[in-house]
Amino acid sequence: MKTHTTSGIEVTEYDEPDTEDITLTPIDAAADQWERLASVYAEGDQCPACMWNESGVSPTGKRWRECSAFSPDACPGVNPRSIANALRRQAS
């Protein structure tokens, strides 16, 4: 941090942190699961057959897709037993 005066106005310059050395770590296990859900969605391999996958065409003709999973455990890519659990919940 440097401070100098120009025309009677005090100016303080702050050194910017080196962002290349910053590593982000998940806060907890839930954050890690949401990150896994985002990775599965980005790959898109599981999505075409997934019950949480929504897609369509906008009025301008642009194709869109969206994951409507309410939690990472509902995603078959994160939790392979999620479909069986969902069917079991529907049956009860």
C-alpha atoms as a PDB file:
ATOM      1  CA  MET A   1       0.000   0.000   0.000  1.00  0.00           C
ATOM      2  CA  LYS A   2       1.365   3.404  -0.995  1.00  0.00           C
ATOM      3  CA  THR A   3       0.018   6.811  -0.016  1.00  0.00           C
ATOM      4  CA  HIS A   4       0.995  10.031  -1.744  1.00  0.00           C
ATOM      5  CA  THR A   5      -0.450  13.512  -2.142  1.00  0.00           C
ATOM      6  CA  THR A   6      -1.288  15.079  -5.476  1.00  0.00           C
ATOM      7  CA  SER A   7      -2.584  18.670  -5.589  1.00  0.00           C
ATOM      8  CA  GLY A   8      -3.582  18.466  -1.932  1.00  0.00           C
ATOM      9  CA  ILE A   9      -5.583  15.241  -2.471  1.00  0.00           C
ATOM     10  CA  GLU A  10      -4.371  12.170  -0.656  1.00  0.00           C
ATOM     11  CA  VAL A  11      -4.272   9.107  -2.893  1.00  0.00           C
ATOM     12  CA  THR A  12      -3.885   5.580  -1.518  1.00  0.00           C
ATOM     13  CA  GLU A  13      -2.857   2.786  -3.864  1.00  0.00           C
ATOM     14  CA  TYR A  14      -3.432  -0.798  -2.795  1.00  0.00           C
ATOM     15  CA  ASP A  15      -1.416  -3.715  -4.056  1.00  0.00           C
ATOM     16  CA  GLU A  16      -3.605  -6.208  -5.874  1.00  0.00           C
ATOM     17  CA  PRO A  17      -3.351  -9.803  -4.668  1.00  0.00           C
ATOM     18  CA  ASP A  18      -1.825 -12.345  -7.005  1.00  0.00           C
ATOM     19  CA  THR A  19      -4.879 -14.368  -8.015  1.00  0.00           C
ATOM     20  CA  GLU A  20      -2.832 -17.141  -9.621  1.00  0.00           C
ATOM     21  CA  ASP A  21      -1.843 -18.432  -6.195  1.00  0.00           C
ATOM     22  CA  ILE A  22      -5.398 -18.644  -4.851  1.00  0.00           C
ATOM     23  CA  THR A  23      -6.877 -22.114  -4.492  1.00  0.00           C
ATOM     24  CA  LEU A  24     -10.560 -22.514  -3.752  1.00  0.00           C
ATOM     25  CA  THR A  25     -11.703 -25.315  -1.513  1.00  0.00           C
ATOM     26  CA  PRO A  26     -15.294 -26.369  -0.891  1.00  0.00           C
ATOM     27  CA  ILE A  27     -16.751 -25.141   2.373  1.00  0.00           C
ATOM     28  CA  ASP A  28     -18.407 -28.452   3.096  1.00  0.00           C
ATOM     29  CA  ALA A  29     -19.528 -31.730   1.556  1.00  0.00           C
ATOM     30  CA  ALA A  30     -22.721 -30.153   0.157  1.00  0.00           C
ATOM     31  CA  ALA A  31     -20.675 -27.647  -1.846  1.00  0.00           C
ATOM     32  CA  ASP A  32     -18.629 -30.524  -3.236  1.00  0.00           C
ATOM     33  CA  GLN A  33     -21.828 -32.350  -4.287  1.00  0.00           C
ATOM     34  CA  TRP A  34     -23.180 -29.251  -6.049  1.00  0.00           C
ATOM     35  CA  GLU A  35     -19.838 -28.953  -7.847  1.00  0.00           C
ATOM     36  CA  ARG A  36     -20.158 -32.580  -8.965  1.00  0.00           C
ATOM     37  CA  LEU A  37     -23.708 -31.871 -10.197  1.00  0.00           C
ATOM     38  CA  ALA A  38     -22.401 -28.904 -12.209  1.00  0.00           C
ATOM     39  CA  SER A  39     -19.674 -31.109 -13.721  1.00  0.00           C
ATOM     40  CA  VAL A  40     -22.157 -33.833 -14.692  1.00  0.00           C
ATOM     41  CA  TYR A  41     -24.415 -31.202 -16.274  1.00  0.00           C
ATOM     42  CA  ALA A  42     -21.495 -29.632 -18.163  1.00  0.00           C
ATOM     43  CA  GLU A  43     -20.499 -33.018 -19.597  1.00  0.00           C
ATOM     44  CA  GLY A  44     -24.126 -33.721 -20.549  1.00  0.00           C
ATOM     45  CA  ASP A  45     -23.666 -37.501 -20.903  1.00  0.00           C
ATOM     46  CA  GLN A  46     -26.351 -38.384 -18.331  1.00  0.00           C
ATOM     47  CA  CYS A  47     -28.762 -35.570 -19.197  1.00  0.00           C
ATOM     48  CA  PRO A  48     -30.697 -36.838 -22.275  1.00  0.00           C
ATOM     49  CA  ALA A  49     -32.271 -39.729 -20.341  1.00  0.00           C
ATOM     50  CA  CYS A  50     -32.531 -37.893 -17.005  1.00  0.00           C
ATOM     51  CA  MET A  51     -35.945 -37.025 -15.617  1.00  0.00           C
ATOM     52  CA  TRP A  52     -34.580 -33.672 -14.353  1.00  0.00           C
ATOM     53  CA  ASN A  53     -33.379 -32.526 -17.780  1.00  0.00           C
ATOM     54  CA  GLU A  54     -35.521 -29.836 -19.380  1.00  0.00           C
ATOM     55  CA  SER A  55     -34.890 -28.505 -22.868  1.00  0.00           C
ATOM     56  CA  GLY A  56     -36.682 -26.647 -25.581  1.00  0.00           C
ATOM     57  CA  VAL A  57     -36.536 -23.913 -28.186  1.00  0.00           C
ATOM     58  CA  SER A  58     -37.010 -20.247 -27.327  1.00  0.00           C
ATOM     59  CA  PRO A  59     -39.284 -17.991 -29.416  1.00  0.00           C
ATOM     60  CA  THR A  60     -36.143 -16.680 -31.139  1.00  0.00           C
ATOM     61  CA  GLY A  61     -35.203 -20.216 -32.218  1.00  0.00           C
ATOM     62  CA  LYS A  62     -32.367 -20.676 -29.728  1.00  0.00           C
ATOM     63  CA  ARG A  63     -32.131 -24.129 -28.137  1.00  0.00           C
ATOM     64  CA  TRP A  64     -31.861 -24.225 -24.337  1.00  0.00           C
ATOM     65  CA  ARG A  65     -31.492 -26.871 -21.650  1.00  0.00           C
ATOM     66  CA  GLU A  66     -31.687 -26.756 -17.898  1.00  0.00           C
ATOM     67  CA  CYS A  67     -31.235 -29.085 -14.935  1.00  0.00           C
ATOM     68  CA  SER A  68     -34.191 -28.966 -12.554  1.00  0.00           C
ATOM     69  CA  ALA A  69     -32.744 -31.342  -9.954  1.00  0.00           C
ATOM     70  CA  PHE A  70     -33.697 -30.100  -6.501  1.00  0.00           C
ATOM     71  CA  SER A  71     -30.527 -31.514  -4.949  1.00  0.00           C
ATOM     72  CA  PRO A  72     -27.309 -33.207  -6.097  1.00  0.00           C
ATOM     73  CA  ASP A  73     -28.545 -36.523  -4.676  1.00  0.00           C
ATOM     74  CA  ALA A  74     -31.391 -36.473  -7.227  1.00  0.00           C
ATOM     75  CA  CYS A  75     -28.951 -36.473 -10.169  1.00  0.00           C
ATOM     76  CA  PRO A  76     -28.203 -39.948 -11.586  1.00  0.00           C
ATOM     77  CA  GLY A  77     -24.676 -38.825 -12.438  1.00  0.00           C
ATOM     78  CA  VAL A  78     -23.933 -37.873  -8.832  1.00  0.00           C
ATOM     79  CA  ASN A  79     -26.055 -40.574  -7.169  1.00  0.00           C
ATOM     80  CA  PRO A  80     -26.711 -43.621  -9.403  1.00  0.00           C
ATOM     81  CA  ARG A  81     -29.482 -44.822  -7.044  1.00  0.00           C
ATOM     82  CA  SER A  82     -31.501 -41.597  -7.469  1.00  0.00           C
ATOM     83  CA  ILE A  83     -33.872 -42.971 -10.138  1.00  0.00           C
ATOM     84  CA  ALA A  84     -34.714 -46.062  -8.092  1.00  0.00           C
ATOM     85  CA  ASN A  85     -35.301 -43.868  -5.034  1.00  0.00           C
ATOM     86  CA  ALA A  86     -37.564 -41.513  -6.990  1.00  0.00           C
ATOM     87  CA  LEU A  87     -39.645 -44.411  -8.338  1.00  0.00           C
ATOM     88  CA  ARG A  88     -39.919 -45.815  -4.831  1.00  0.00           C
ATOM     89  CA  ARG A  89     -41.163 -42.451  -3.517  1.00  0.00           C
ATOM     90  CA  GLN A  90     -43.753 -42.207  -6.296  1.00  0.00           C
ATOM     91  CA  ALA A  91     -45.026 -45.718  -5.590  1.00  0.00           C
ATOM     92  CA  SER A  92     -45.589 -45.026  -1.886  1.00  0.00           C
END
